[in-house]
Amino acid sequence: GMVLKDYFDVLLHGVPFVLLLRLILLRLILLKISNK
């Protein structure tokens, strides 16, 4: 029963969490590189 509007809604509400995950991964990679 999901329509295009519902998928857009998932995208809209999910983007902040994707950005947070991206930021965490970038920090972990930079930390690993600096340790090496």
Full PDB file with SEQRES, HELIX, SHEET, SSBOND, CRYST1, ORIGX, SCALE, CONECT and MASTER records, all heavy atoms in Angstrom:
SEQRES   1 A   36  GLY MET VAL LEU LYS ASP TYR PHE ASP VAL LEU LEU HIS          
SEQRES   2 A   36  GLY VAL PRO PHE VAL LEU LEU LEU ARG LEU ILE LEU LEU          
SEQRES   3 A   36  ARG LEU ILE LEU LEU LYS ILE SER ASN LYS                      
HELIX    1 AA1 LEU A    4  ASN A   35  1                                  32    
CRYST1    1.000    1.000    1.000  90.00  90.00  90.00 P 1           1          
ORIGX1      1.000000  0.000000  0.000000        0.00000                         
ORIGX2      0.000000  1.000000  0.000000        0.00000                         
ORIGX3      0.000000  0.000000  1.000000        0.00000                         
SCALE1      1.000000  0.000000  0.000000        0.00000                         
SCALE2      0.000000  1.000000  0.000000        0.00000                         
SCALE3      0.000000  0.000000  1.000000        0.00000                         
ATOM      1  N   GLY A   1       0.783  -1.222   0.000  1.00  0.00           N  
ATOM      2  CA  GLY A   1       0.000   0.000   0.000  1.00  0.00           C  
ATOM      3  C   GLY A   1       0.821   1.281   0.000  1.00  0.00           C  
ATOM      4  O   GLY A   1       0.256   2.364   0.015  1.00  0.00           O  
ATOM      5  N   MET A   2       2.138   1.171  -0.012  1.00  0.00           N  
ATOM      6  CA  MET A   2       2.965   2.385  -0.035  1.00  0.00           C  
ATOM      7  C   MET A   2       2.905   3.001  -1.425  1.00  0.00           C  
ATOM      8  O   MET A   2       2.970   2.315  -2.438  1.00  0.00           O  
ATOM      9  CB  MET A   2       4.416   2.084   0.331  1.00  0.00           C  
ATOM     10  CG  MET A   2       4.637   1.878   1.809  1.00  0.00           C  
ATOM     11  SD  MET A   2       6.359   1.691   2.265  1.00  0.00           S  
ATOM     12  CE  MET A   2       6.841   3.383   2.466  1.00  0.00           C  
ATOM     13  N   VAL A   3       2.798   4.317  -1.452  1.00  0.00           N  
ATOM     14  CA  VAL A   3       2.808   5.061  -2.711  1.00  0.00           C  
ATOM     15  C   VAL A   3       4.081   5.903  -2.752  1.00  0.00           C  
ATOM     16  O   VAL A   3       4.858   5.928  -1.803  1.00  0.00           O  
ATOM     17  CB  VAL A   3       1.542   5.932  -2.850  1.00  0.00           C  
ATOM     18  CG1 VAL A   3       0.301   5.063  -2.963  1.00  0.00           C  
ATOM     19  CG2 VAL A   3       1.402   6.887  -1.700  1.00  0.00           C  
ATOM     20  N   LEU A   4       4.290   6.596  -3.847  1.00  0.00           N  
ATOM     21  CA  LEU A   4       5.497   7.395  -4.046  1.00  0.00           C  
ATOM     22  C   LEU A   4       5.708   8.389  -2.910  1.00  0.00           C  
ATOM     23  O   LEU A   4       6.834   8.595  -2.449  1.00  0.00           O  
ATOM     24  CB  LEU A   4       5.425   8.121  -5.386  1.00  0.00           C  
ATOM     25  CG  LEU A   4       6.652   8.936  -5.789  1.00  0.00           C  
ATOM     26  CD1 LEU A   4       7.869   8.029  -5.900  1.00  0.00           C  
ATOM     27  CD2 LEU A   4       6.403   9.663  -7.084  1.00  0.00           C  
ATOM     28  N   LYS A   5       4.632   8.961  -2.427  1.00  0.00           N  
ATOM     29  CA  LYS A   5       4.698   9.917  -1.314  1.00  0.00           C  
ATOM     30  C   LYS A   5       5.316   9.287  -0.073  1.00  0.00           C  
ATOM     31  O   LYS A   5       6.116   9.916   0.626  1.00  0.00           O  
ATOM     32  CB  LYS A   5       3.290  10.434  -1.015  1.00  0.00           C  
ATOM     33  CG  LYS A   5       3.148  11.280   0.205  1.00  0.00           C  
ATOM     34  CD  LYS A   5       1.708  11.667   0.434  1.00  0.00           C  
ATOM     35  CE  LYS A   5       1.047  10.596   1.248  1.00  0.00           C  
ATOM     36  NZ  LYS A   5      -0.207  11.000   1.873  1.00  0.00           N  
ATOM     37  N   ASP A   6       4.996   8.038   0.199  1.00  0.00           N  
ATOM     38  CA  ASP A   6       5.527   7.339   1.370  1.00  0.00           C  
ATOM     39  C   ASP A   6       7.015   7.054   1.229  1.00  0.00           C  
ATOM     40  O   ASP A   6       7.775   7.164   2.191  1.00  0.00           O  
ATOM     41  CB  ASP A   6       4.762   6.045   1.620  1.00  0.00           C  
ATOM     42  CG  ASP A   6       3.306   6.297   1.951  1.00  0.00           C  
ATOM     43  OD1 ASP A   6       3.036   7.184   2.779  1.00  0.00           O  
ATOM     44  OD2 ASP A   6       2.445   5.625   1.362  1.00  0.00           O  
ATOM     45  N   TYR A   7       7.448   6.707   0.033  1.00  0.00           N  
ATOM     46  CA  TYR A   7       8.880   6.479  -0.198  1.00  0.00           C  
ATOM     47  C   TYR A   7       9.660   7.785  -0.057  1.00  0.00           C  
ATOM     48  O   TYR A   7      10.761   7.797   0.499  1.00  0.00           O  
ATOM     49  CB  TYR A   7       9.119   5.851  -1.572  1.00  0.00           C  
ATOM     50  CG  TYR A   7       8.664   4.421  -1.647  1.00  0.00           C  
ATOM     51  CD1 TYR A   7       7.516   4.068  -2.358  1.00  0.00           C  
ATOM     52  CD2 TYR A   7       9.373   3.417  -1.008  1.00  0.00           C  
ATOM     53  CE1 TYR A   7       7.100   2.755  -2.428  1.00  0.00           C  
ATOM     54  CE2 TYR A   7       8.960   2.093  -1.065  1.00  0.00           C  
ATOM     55  CZ  TYR A   7       7.824   1.772  -1.786  1.00  0.00           C  
ATOM     56  OH  TYR A   7       7.406   0.472  -1.839  1.00  0.00           O  
ATOM     57  N   PHE A   8       9.100   8.875  -0.564  1.00  0.00           N  
ATOM     58  CA  PHE A   8       9.737  10.180  -0.394  1.00  0.00           C  
ATOM     59  C   PHE A   8       9.816  10.542   1.083  1.00  0.00           C  
ATOM     60  O   PHE A   8      10.812  11.108   1.532  1.00  0.00           O  
ATOM     61  CB  PHE A   8       8.970  11.253  -1.172  1.00  0.00           C  
ATOM     62  CG  PHE A   8       9.531  12.626  -0.983  1.00  0.00           C  
ATOM     63  CD1 PHE A   8      10.717  12.991  -1.592  1.00  0.00           C  
ATOM     64  CD2 PHE A   8       8.886  13.546  -0.174  1.00  0.00           C  
ATOM     65  CE1 PHE A   8      11.251  14.258  -1.405  1.00  0.00           C  
ATOM     66  CE2 PHE A   8       9.404  14.806   0.016  1.00  0.00           C  
ATOM     67  CZ  PHE A   8      10.588  15.175  -0.607  1.00  0.00           C  
ATOM     68  N   ASP A   9       8.803  10.198   1.823  1.00  0.00           N  
ATOM     69  CA  ASP A   9       8.771  10.470   3.260  1.00  0.00           C  
ATOM     70  C   ASP A   9       9.882   9.711   3.988  1.00  0.00           C  
ATOM     71  O   ASP A   9      10.542  10.252   4.869  1.00  0.00           O  
ATOM     72  CB  ASP A   9       7.400  10.077   3.814  1.00  0.00           C  
ATOM     73  CG  ASP A   9       7.041  10.814   5.066  1.00  0.00           C  
ATOM     74  OD1 ASP A   9       7.503  11.948   5.250  1.00  0.00           O  
ATOM     75  OD2 ASP A   9       6.286  10.244   5.879  1.00  0.00           O  
ATOM     76  N   VAL A  10      10.096   8.457   3.606  1.00  0.00           N  
ATOM     77  CA  VAL A  10      11.193   7.673   4.187  1.00  0.00           C  
ATOM     78  C   VAL A  10      12.526   8.340   3.859  1.00  0.00           C  
ATOM     79  O   VAL A  10      13.400   8.466   4.726  1.00  0.00           O  
ATOM     80  CB  VAL A  10      11.173   6.218   3.668  1.00  0.00           C  
ATOM     81  CG1 VAL A  10      12.437   5.470   4.063  1.00  0.00           C  
ATOM     82  CG2 VAL A  10       9.946   5.486   4.159  1.00  0.00           C  
ATOM     83  N   LEU A  11      12.684   8.773   2.627  1.00  0.00           N  
ATOM     84  CA  LEU A  11      13.908   9.453   2.221  1.00  0.00           C  
ATOM     85  C   LEU A  11      14.113  10.734   3.017  1.00  0.00           C  
ATOM     86  O   LEU A  11      15.203  10.989   3.538  1.00  0.00           O  
ATOM     87  CB  LEU A  11      13.858   9.757   0.721  1.00  0.00           C  
ATOM     88  CG  LEU A  11      15.059  10.490   0.151  1.00  0.00           C  
ATOM     89  CD1 LEU A  11      16.277   9.581   0.160  1.00  0.00           C  
ATOM     90  CD2 LEU A  11      14.760  10.969  -1.253  1.00  0.00           C  
ATOM     91  N   LEU A  12      13.077  11.532   3.147  1.00  0.00           N  
ATOM     92  CA  LEU A  12      13.162  12.809   3.855  1.00  0.00           C  
ATOM     93  C   LEU A  12      13.532  12.610   5.321  1.00  0.00           C  
ATOM     94  O   LEU A  12      14.406  13.300   5.843  1.00  0.00           O  
ATOM     95  CB  LEU A  12      11.821  13.552   3.755  1.00  0.00           C  
ATOM     96  CG  LEU A  12      11.736  14.875   4.479  1.00  0.00           C  
ATOM     97  CD1 LEU A  12      12.579  15.919   3.764  1.00  0.00           C  
ATOM     98  CD2 LEU A  12      10.298  15.341   4.562  1.00  0.00           C  
ATOM     99  N   HIS A  13      12.902  11.670   5.982  1.00  0.00           N  
ATOM    100  CA  HIS A  13      13.174  11.444   7.400  1.00  0.00           C  
ATOM    101  C   HIS A  13      14.449  10.635   7.623  1.00  0.00           C  
ATOM    102  O   HIS A  13      15.000  10.640   8.722  1.00  0.00           O  
ATOM    103  CB  HIS A  13      11.991  10.732   8.071  1.00  0.00           C  
ATOM    104  CG  HIS A  13      10.794  11.601   8.227  1.00  0.00           C  
ATOM    105  ND1 HIS A  13      10.693  12.557   9.210  1.00  0.00           N  
ATOM    106  CD2 HIS A  13       9.637  11.676   7.517  1.00  0.00           C  
ATOM    107  CE1 HIS A  13       9.529  13.169   9.102  1.00  0.00           C  
ATOM    108  NE2 HIS A  13       8.874  12.657   8.081  1.00  0.00           N  
ATOM    109  N   GLY A  14      14.936   9.941   6.598  1.00  0.00           N  
ATOM    110  CA  GLY A  14      16.121   9.115   6.737  1.00  0.00           C  
ATOM    111  C   GLY A  14      17.433   9.815   6.433  1.00  0.00           C  
ATOM    112  O   GLY A  14      18.493   9.387   6.900  1.00  0.00           O  
ATOM    113  N   VAL A  15      17.392  10.888   5.667  1.00  0.00           N  
ATOM    114  CA  VAL A  15      18.623  11.591   5.269  1.00  0.00           C  
ATOM    115  C   VAL A  15      19.453  12.049   6.470  1.00  0.00           C  
ATOM    116  O   VAL A  15      20.673  11.878   6.460  1.00  0.00           O  
ATOM    117  CB  VAL A  15      18.312  12.754   4.300  1.00  0.00           C  
ATOM    118  CG1 VAL A  15      19.484  13.702   4.171  1.00  0.00           C  
ATOM    119  CG2 VAL A  15      17.931  12.203   2.944  1.00  0.00           C  
ATOM    120  N   PRO A  16      18.871  12.623   7.518  1.00  0.00           N  
ATOM    121  CA  PRO A  16      19.715  13.018   8.652  1.00  0.00           C  
ATOM    122  C   PRO A  16      20.494  11.857   9.266  1.00  0.00           C  
ATOM    123  O   PRO A  16      21.653  12.017   9.652  1.00  0.00           O  
ATOM    124  CB  PRO A  16      18.718  13.594   9.665  1.00  0.00           C  
ATOM    125  CG  PRO A  16      17.568  14.038   8.858  1.00  0.00           C  
ATOM    126  CD  PRO A  16      17.481  13.070   7.726  1.00  0.00           C  
ATOM    127  N   PHE A  17      19.898  10.675   9.315  1.00  0.00           N  
ATOM    128  CA  PHE A  17      20.586   9.519   9.875  1.00  0.00           C  
ATOM    129  C   PHE A  17      21.688   9.023   8.937  1.00  0.00           C  
ATOM    130  O   PHE A  17      22.731   8.563   9.394  1.00  0.00           O  
ATOM    131  CB  PHE A  17      19.595   8.404  10.199  1.00  0.00           C  
ATOM    132  CG  PHE A  17      18.618   8.804  11.263  1.00  0.00           C  
ATOM    133  CD1 PHE A  17      17.306   9.104  10.945  1.00  0.00           C  
ATOM    134  CD2 PHE A  17      19.023   8.905  12.575  1.00  0.00           C  
ATOM    135  CE1 PHE A  17      16.407   9.489  11.919  1.00  0.00           C  
ATOM    136  CE2 PHE A  17      18.130   9.288  13.567  1.00  0.00           C  
ATOM    137  CZ  PHE A  17      16.820   9.588  13.234  1.00  0.00           C  
ATOM    138  N   VAL A  18      21.464   9.138   7.635  1.00  0.00           N  
ATOM    139  CA  VAL A  18      22.507   8.791   6.662  1.00  0.00           C  
ATOM    140  C   VAL A  18      23.681   9.753   6.807  1.00  0.00           C  
ATOM    141  O   VAL A  18      24.845   9.336   6.778  1.00  0.00           O  
ATOM    142  CB  VAL A  18      21.947   8.805   5.225  1.00  0.00           C  
ATOM    143  CG1 VAL A  18      23.047   8.652   4.201  1.00  0.00           C  
ATOM    144  CG2 VAL A  18      20.894   7.723   5.056  1.00  0.00           C  
ATOM    145  N   LEU A  19      23.386  11.037   6.990  1.00  0.00           N  
ATOM    146  CA  LEU A  19      24.453  12.026   7.193  1.00  0.00           C  
ATOM    147  C   LEU A  19      25.217  11.757   8.484  1.00  0.00           C  
ATOM    148  O   LEU A  19      26.449  11.887   8.523  1.00  0.00           O  
ATOM    149  CB  LEU A  19      23.874  13.439   7.221  1.00  0.00           C  
ATOM    150  CG  LEU A  19      23.348  13.986   5.895  1.00  0.00           C  
ATOM    151  CD1 LEU A  19      22.692  15.336   6.110  1.00  0.00           C  
ATOM    152  CD2 LEU A  19      24.447  14.074   4.866  1.00  0.00           C  
ATOM    153  N   LEU A  20      24.514  11.358   9.543  1.00  0.00           N  
ATOM    154  CA  LEU A  20      25.175  11.040  10.806  1.00  0.00           C  
ATOM    155  C   LEU A  20      26.072   9.811  10.652  1.00  0.00           C  
ATOM    156  O   LEU A  20      27.217   9.803  11.123  1.00  0.00           O  
ATOM    157  CB  LEU A  20      24.142  10.806  11.905  1.00  0.00           C  
ATOM    158  CG  LEU A  20      24.690  10.490  13.292  1.00  0.00           C  
ATOM    159  CD1 LEU A  20      25.506  11.661  13.827  1.00  0.00           C  
ATOM    160  CD2 LEU A  20      23.560  10.145  14.239  1.00  0.00           C  
ATOM    161  N   LEU A  21      25.592   8.786   9.986  1.00  0.00           N  
ATOM    162  CA  LEU A  21      26.385   7.596   9.743  1.00  0.00           C  
ATOM    163  C   LEU A  21      27.617   7.937   8.904  1.00  0.00           C  
ATOM    164  O   LEU A  21      28.725   7.472   9.196  1.00  0.00           O  
ATOM    165  CB  LEU A  21      25.537   6.524   9.052  1.00  0.00           C  
ATOM    166  CG  LEU A  21      26.221   5.205   8.746  1.00  0.00           C  
ATOM    167  CD1 LEU A  21      26.660   4.521  10.041  1.00  0.00           C  
ATOM    168  CD2 LEU A  21      25.304   4.309   7.959  1.00  0.00           C  
ATOM    169  N   ARG A  22      27.449   8.769   7.894  1.00  0.00           N  
ATOM    170  CA  ARG A  22      28.562   9.220   7.055  1.00  0.00           C  
ATOM    171  C   ARG A  22      29.603   9.947   7.888  1.00  0.00           C  
ATOM    172  O   ARG A  22      30.799   9.697   7.760  1.00  0.00           O  
ATOM    173  CB  ARG A  22      28.035  10.135   5.954  1.00  0.00           C  
ATOM    174  CG  ARG A  22      29.081  10.774   5.107  1.00  0.00           C  
ATOM    175  CD  ARG A  22      28.476  11.950   4.311  1.00  0.00           C  
ATOM    176  NE  ARG A  22      29.485  12.870   3.936  1.00  0.00           N  
ATOM    177  CZ  ARG A  22      29.919  13.889   4.663  1.00  0.00           C  
ATOM    178  NH1 ARG A  22      29.406  14.103   5.849  1.00  0.00           N  
ATOM    179  NH2 ARG A  22      30.852  14.689   4.232  1.00  0.00           N  
ATOM    180  N   LEU A  23      29.154  10.823   8.753  1.00  0.00           N  
ATOM    181  CA  LEU A  23      30.067  11.590   9.592  1.00  0.00           C  
ATOM    182  C   LEU A  23      30.825  10.688  10.562  1.00  0.00           C  
ATOM    183  O   LEU A  23      32.037  10.844  10.746  1.00  0.00           O  
ATOM    184  CB  LEU A  23      29.277  12.656  10.358  1.00  0.00           C  
ATOM    185  CG  LEU A  23      30.046  13.762  11.035  1.00  0.00           C  
ATOM    186  CD1 LEU A  23      30.944  14.491  10.051  1.00  0.00           C  
ATOM    187  CD2 LEU A  23      29.095  14.743  11.673  1.00  0.00           C  
ATOM    188  N   ILE A  24      30.150   9.717  11.146  1.00  0.00           N  
ATOM    189  CA  ILE A  24      30.806   8.773  12.056  1.00  0.00           C  
ATOM    190  C   ILE A  24      31.856   7.951  11.309  1.00  0.00           C  
ATOM    191  O   ILE A  24      32.985   7.789  11.786  1.00  0.00           O  
ATOM    192  CB  ILE A  24      29.760   7.863  12.731  1.00  0.00           C  
ATOM    193  CG1 ILE A  24      28.918   8.669  13.714  1.00  0.00           C  
ATOM    194  CG2 ILE A  24      30.430   6.686  13.435  1.00  0.00           C  
ATOM    195  CD1 ILE A  24      27.707   7.932  14.242  1.00  0.00           C  
ATOM    196  N   LEU A  25      31.497   7.452  10.131  1.00  0.00           N  
ATOM    197  CA  LEU A  25      32.450   6.661   9.352  1.00  0.00           C  
ATOM    198  C   LEU A  25      33.659   7.486   8.933  1.00  0.00           C  
ATOM    199  O   LEU A  25      34.791   6.999   8.983  1.00  0.00           O  
ATOM    200  CB  LEU A  25      31.763   6.057   8.129  1.00  0.00           C  
ATOM    201  CG  LEU A  25      30.752   4.954   8.417  1.00  0.00           C  
ATOM    202  CD1 LEU A  25      30.048   4.522   7.142  1.00  0.00           C  
ATOM    203  CD2 LEU A  25      31.423   3.779   9.088  1.00  0.00           C  
ATOM    204  N   LEU A  26      33.444   8.716   8.517  1.00  0.00           N  
ATOM    205  CA  LEU A  26      34.562   9.587   8.147  1.00  0.00           C  
ATOM    206  C   LEU A  26      35.493   9.823   9.328  1.00  0.00           C  
ATOM    207  O   LEU A  26      36.717   9.780   9.181  1.00  0.00           O  
ATOM    208  CB  LEU A  26      34.055  10.928   7.613  1.00  0.00           C  
ATOM    209  CG  LEU A  26      33.500  10.923   6.205  1.00  0.00           C  
ATOM    210  CD1 LEU A  26      32.909  12.292   5.863  1.00  0.00           C  
ATOM    211  CD2 LEU A  26      34.573  10.553   5.202  1.00  0.00           C  
ATOM    212  N   ARG A  27      34.927  10.063  10.495  1.00  0.00           N  
ATOM    213  CA  ARG A  27      35.758  10.285  11.688  1.00  0.00           C  
ATOM    214  C   ARG A  27      36.547   9.035  12.045  1.00  0.00           C  
ATOM    215  O   ARG A  27      37.717   9.124  12.420  1.00  0.00           O  
ATOM    216  CB  ARG A  27      34.909  10.724  12.881  1.00  0.00           C  
ATOM    217  CG  ARG A  27      34.198  12.017  12.688  1.00  0.00           C  
ATOM    218  CD  ARG A  27      35.169  13.153  12.577  1.00  0.00           C  
ATOM    219  NE  ARG A  27      34.428  14.345  12.187  1.00  0.00           N  
ATOM    220  CZ  ARG A  27      34.883  15.549  12.245  1.00  0.00           C  
ATOM    221  NH1 ARG A  27      36.098  15.774  12.651  1.00  0.00           N  
ATOM    222  NH2 ARG A  27      34.142  16.569  11.851  1.00  0.00           N  
ATOM    223  N   LEU A  28      35.926   7.863  11.940  1.00  0.00           N  
ATOM    224  CA  LEU A  28      36.630   6.616  12.247  1.00  0.00           C  
ATOM    225  C   LEU A  28      37.756   6.365  11.251  1.00  0.00           C  
ATOM    226  O   LEU A  28      38.851   5.928  11.632  1.00  0.00           O  
ATOM    227  CB  LEU A  28      35.658   5.441  12.259  1.00  0.00           C  
ATOM    228  CG  LEU A  28      34.690   5.389  13.431  1.00  0.00           C  
ATOM    229  CD1 LEU A  28      33.700   4.245  13.248  1.00  0.00           C  
ATOM    230  CD2 LEU A  28      35.423   5.263  14.741  1.00  0.00           C  
ATOM    231  N   ILE A  29      37.517   6.636   9.991  1.00  0.00           N  
ATOM    232  CA  ILE A  29      38.554   6.453   8.963  1.00  0.00           C  
ATOM    233  C   ILE A  29      39.705   7.417   9.203  1.00  0.00           C  
ATOM    234  O   ILE A  29      40.875   7.021   9.132  1.00  0.00           O  
ATOM    235  CB  ILE A  29      37.952   6.625   7.553  1.00  0.00           C  
ATOM    236  CG1 ILE A  29      37.026   5.452   7.240  1.00  0.00           C  
ATOM    237  CG2 ILE A  29      39.042   6.754   6.504  1.00  0.00           C  
ATOM    238  CD1 ILE A  29      36.180   5.639   6.007  1.00  0.00           C  
ATOM    239  N   LEU A  30      39.381   8.676   9.497  1.00  0.00           N  
ATOM    240  CA  LEU A  30      40.438   9.647   9.763  1.00  0.00           C  
ATOM    241  C   LEU A  30      41.229   9.277  11.007  1.00  0.00           C  
ATOM    242  O   LEU A  30      42.451   9.442  11.053  1.00  0.00           O  
ATOM    243  CB  LEU A  30      39.847  11.053   9.909  1.00  0.00           C  
ATOM    244  CG  LEU A  30      39.341  11.692   8.628  1.00  0.00           C  
ATOM    245  CD1 LEU A  30      38.662  13.027   8.940  1.00  0.00           C  
ATOM    246  CD2 LEU A  30      40.457  11.880   7.631  1.00  0.00           C  
ATOM    247  N   LEU A  31      40.558   8.760  12.011  1.00  0.00           N  
ATOM    248  CA  LEU A  31      41.231   8.331  13.234  1.00  0.00           C  
ATOM    249  C   LEU A  31      42.172   7.161  12.945  1.00  0.00           C  
ATOM    250  O   LEU A  31      43.303   7.126  13.431  1.00  0.00           O  
ATOM    251  CB  LEU A  31      40.199   7.936  14.292  1.00  0.00           C  
ATOM    252  CG  LEU A  31      40.725   7.509  15.644  1.00  0.00           C  
ATOM    253  CD1 LEU A  31      41.428   8.682  16.320  1.00  0.00           C  
ATOM    254  CD2 LEU A  31      39.587   7.017  16.513  1.00  0.00           C  
ATOM    255  N   LYS A  32      41.711   6.219  12.139  1.00  0.00           N  
ATOM    256  CA  LYS A  32      42.527   5.066  11.792  1.00  0.00           C  
ATOM    257  C   LYS A  32      43.759   5.499  10.992  1.00  0.00           C  
ATOM    258  O   LYS A  32      44.864   5.024  11.236  1.00  0.00           O  
ATOM    259  CB  LYS A  32      41.693   4.067  10.982  1.00  0.00           C  
ATOM    260  CG  LYS A  32      42.379   2.772  10.700  1.00  0.00           C  
ATOM    261  CD  LYS A  32      41.446   1.804  10.001  1.00  0.00           C  
ATOM    262  CE  LYS A  32      42.133   0.494   9.729  1.00  0.00           C  
ATOM    263  NZ  LYS A  32      41.245  -0.451   9.059  1.00  0.00           N  
ATOM    264  N   ILE A  33      43.570   6.424  10.055  1.00  0.00           N  
ATOM    265  CA  ILE A  33      44.686   6.914   9.248  1.00  0.00           C  
ATOM    266  C   ILE A  33      45.687   7.670  10.119  1.00  0.00           C  
ATOM    267  O   ILE A  33      46.896   7.476   9.986  1.00  0.00           O  
ATOM    268  CB  ILE A  33      44.166   7.814   8.099  1.00  0.00           C  
ATOM    269  CG1 ILE A  33      43.439   6.960   7.067  1.00  0.00           C  
ATOM    270  CG2 ILE A  33      45.309   8.580   7.445  1.00  0.00           C  
ATOM    271  CD1 ILE A  33      42.713   7.756   6.013  1.00  0.00           C  
ATOM    272  N   SER A  34      45.192   8.490  11.022  1.00  0.00           N  
ATOM    273  CA  SER A  34      46.105   9.249  11.879  1.00  0.00           C  
ATOM    274  C   SER A  34      46.867   8.327  12.831  1.00  0.00           C  
ATOM    275  O   SER A  34      48.025   8.576  13.142  1.00  0.00           O  
ATOM    276  CB  SER A  34      45.350  10.322  12.661  1.00  0.00           C  
ATOM    277  OG  SER A  34      44.487   9.735  13.601  1.00  0.00           O  
ATOM    278  N   ASN A  35      46.246   7.243  13.291  1.00  0.00           N  
ATOM    279  CA  ASN A  35      46.940   6.271  14.139  1.00  0.00           C  
ATOM    280  C   ASN A  35      48.043   5.551  13.374  1.00  0.00           C  
ATOM    281  O   ASN A  35      49.120   5.300  13.901  1.00  0.00           O  
ATOM    282  CB  ASN A  35      45.974   5.254  14.722  1.00  0.00           C  
ATOM    283  CG  ASN A  35      45.156   5.817  15.861  1.00  0.00           C  
ATOM    284  OD1 ASN A  35      45.512   6.826  16.459  1.00  0.00           O  
ATOM    285  ND2 ASN A  35      44.038   5.177  16.147  1.00  0.00           N  
ATOM    286  N   LYS A  36      47.772   5.223  12.095  1.00  0.00           N  
ATOM    287  CA  LYS A  36      48.783   4.559  11.281  1.00  0.00           C  
ATOM    288  C   LYS A  36      49.983   5.473  11.039  1.00  0.00           C  
ATOM    289  O   LYS A  36      51.125   5.036  11.124  1.00  0.00           O  
ATOM    290  CB  LYS A  36      48.192   4.129   9.934  1.00  0.00           C  
ATOM    291  CG  LYS A  36      47.370   2.877   9.996  1.00  0.00           C  
ATOM    292  CD  LYS A  36      46.924   2.473   8.615  1.00  0.00           C  
ATOM    293  CE  LYS A  36      46.117   1.201   8.662  1.00  0.00           C  
ATOM    294  NZ  LYS A  36      45.679   0.784   7.317  1.00  0.00           N  
TER     295      LYS A  36                                                      
MASTER        0    0    0    1    0    0    0    6  294    1    0    3          
END                                                                             
